[in-house]
C-alpha atoms as a PDB file:
ATOM      1  CA  MET A   1      -6.094-105.923-111.439  1.00  0.00           C
ATOM      2  CA  LYS A   2      -4.165-106.407-108.200  1.00  0.00           C
ATOM      3  CA  ASN A   3      -7.084-108.353-106.698  1.00  0.00           C
ATOM      4  CA  VAL A   4      -7.133-110.712-109.686  1.00  0.00           C
ATOM      5  CA  LYS A   5      -3.416-111.444-109.331  1.00  0.00           C
ATOM      6  CA  GLN A   6      -3.842-112.038-105.612  1.00  0.00           C
ATOM      7  CA  LEU A   7      -6.782-114.368-106.246  1.00  0.00           C
ATOM      8  CA  VAL A   8      -4.839-116.329-108.875  1.00  0.00           C
ATOM      9  CA  SER A   9      -1.814-116.597-106.571  1.00  0.00           C
ATOM     10  CA  THR A  10      -3.952-117.825-103.698  1.00  0.00           C
ATOM     11  CA  ALA A  11      -5.687-120.364-105.936  1.00  0.00           C
ATOM     12  CA  ALA A  12      -2.341-121.634-107.243  1.00  0.00           C
ATOM     13  CA  ILE A  13      -0.952-122.075-103.740  1.00  0.00           C
ATOM     14  CA  LEU A  14      -4.120-123.858-102.637  1.00  0.00           C
ATOM     15  CA  ALA A  15      -4.007-126.160-105.669  1.00  0.00           C
ATOM     16  CA  ALA A  16      -0.342-126.970-105.040  1.00  0.00           C
ATOM     17  CA  THR A  17      -1.040-127.727-101.386  1.00  0.00           C
ATOM     18  CA  LEU A  18      -3.930-130.016-102.227  1.00  0.00           C
ATOM     19  CA  GLY A  19      -1.917-131.686-104.983  1.00  0.00           C
ATOM     20  CA  LEU A  20       1.007-132.383-102.681  1.00  0.00           C
ATOM     21  CA  SER A  21      -1.294-133.877-100.063  1.00  0.00           C
ATOM     22  CA  ALA A  22      -1.813-136.715-102.533  1.00  0.00           C
ATOM     23  CA  CYS A  23       1.847-137.666-102.029  1.00  0.00           C
ATOM     24  CA  ALA A  24       1.063-139.658 -98.877  1.00  0.00           C
ATOM     25  CA  GLY A  25       1.418-143.067-100.526  1.00  0.00           C
ATOM     26  CA  MET A  26       4.433-142.211-102.676  1.00  0.00           C
ATOM     27  CA  SER A  27       7.984-143.379-102.228  1.00  0.00           C
ATOM     28  CA  ASN A  28      10.590-140.819-101.196  1.00  0.00           C
ATOM     29  CA  GLN A  29      11.946-140.648-104.745  1.00  0.00           C
ATOM     30  CA  ASP A  30       8.467-140.073-106.213  1.00  0.00           C
ATOM     31  CA  ARG A  31       7.761-137.384-103.630  1.00  0.00           C
ATOM     32  CA  ASN A  32      11.089-135.665-104.357  1.00  0.00           C
ATOM     33  CA  THR A  33      10.276-135.707-108.070  1.00  0.00           C
ATOM     34  CA  ALA A  34       6.865-134.108-107.515  1.00  0.00           C
ATOM     35  CA  VAL A  35       8.193-131.465-105.150  1.00  0.00           C
ATOM     36  CA  GLY A  36      11.119-130.718-107.470  1.00  0.00           C
ATOM     37  CA  ALA A  37       8.762-130.269-110.403  1.00  0.00           C
ATOM     38  CA  GLY A  38       6.557-127.910-108.400  1.00  0.00           C
ATOM     39  CA  VAL A  39       9.437-125.809-107.142  1.00  0.00           C
ATOM     40  CA  GLY A  40      11.019-125.792-110.601  1.00  0.00           C
ATOM     41  CA  ALA A  41       7.770-124.635-112.198  1.00  0.00           C
ATOM     42  CA  VAL A  42       7.463-121.733-109.772  1.00  0.00           C
ATOM     43  CA  ALA A  43      11.118-120.777-110.207  1.00  0.00           C
ATOM     44  CA  GLY A  44      10.896-121.026-113.990  1.00  0.00           C
ATOM     45  CA  SER A  45       7.793-118.869-114.028  1.00  0.00           C
ATOM     46  CA  VAL A  46       9.368-116.229-111.807  1.00  0.00           C
ATOM     47  CA  LEU A  47      12.646-116.150-113.718  1.00  0.00           C
ATOM     48  CA  THR A  48      10.972-115.812-117.118  1.00  0.00           C
ATOM     49  CA  GLY A  49       8.262-113.372-116.082  1.00  0.00           C
ATOM     50  CA  GLY A  50       5.410-115.879-116.283  1.00  0.00           C
ATOM     51  CA  SER A  51       6.351-117.458-119.608  1.00  0.00           C
ATOM     52  CA  ALA A  52       4.678-120.809-120.220  1.00  0.00           C
ATOM     53  CA  ILE A  53       7.870-122.221-121.723  1.00  0.00           C
ATOM     54  CA  GLY A  54       9.862-121.115-118.677  1.00  0.00           C
ATOM     55  CA  THR A  55       7.306-122.691-116.349  1.00  0.00           C
ATOM     56  CA  VAL A  56       7.297-126.024-118.192  1.00  0.00           C
ATOM     57  CA  GLY A  57      11.085-125.994-118.545  1.00  0.00           C
ATOM     58  CA  GLY A  58      11.512-125.263-114.855  1.00  0.00           C
ATOM     59  CA  ALA A  59       9.125-128.077-113.968  1.00  0.00           C
ATOM     60  CA  ALA A  60      11.054-130.512-116.149  1.00  0.00           C
ATOM     61  CA  VAL A  61      14.443-129.545-114.746  1.00  0.00           C
ATOM     62  CA  GLY A  62      13.122-129.501-111.172  1.00  0.00           C
ATOM     63  CA  GLY A  63      11.538-132.919-111.640  1.00  0.00           C
ATOM     64  CA  VAL A  64      14.789-134.423-112.887  1.00  0.00           C
ATOM     65  CA  ILE A  65      16.771-132.888-110.037  1.00  0.00           C
ATOM     66  CA  GLY A  66      14.183-134.014-107.489  1.00  0.00           C
ATOM     67  CA  ASN A  67      14.277-137.518-108.934  1.00  0.00           C
ATOM     68  CA  GLN A  68      18.045-137.748-108.559  1.00  0.00           C
ATOM     69  CA  VAL A  69      18.169-136.492-104.951  1.00  0.00           C
ATOM     70  CA  ASN A  70      18.693-139.368-102.504  1.00  0.00           C
ATOM     71  CA  LYS A  71      18.483-141.889-105.325  1.00  0.00           C
ATOM     72  CA  PRO A  72      18.990-145.399-103.970  1.00  0.00           C
ATOM     73  CA  PRO A  73      22.306-146.998-104.993  1.00  0.00           C
ATOM     74  CA  ARG A  74      22.243-149.698-107.651  1.00  0.00           C
END
């Protein structure tokens, strides 16, 4: 069972790394949104013990926070 968890964790980290490499052509605000959503999803999952609702909620909150960081003035 421990090997399965380690394999899933490694696959998730690899997928996140490959997904973030696609951020090369994004604006800073778009990149911050994507990174915030990723970090929020991980934090939400950890805080809720792997709950899907916690993961999605964390991604949503992290995405909003990431979007607002360094937002250009109007």
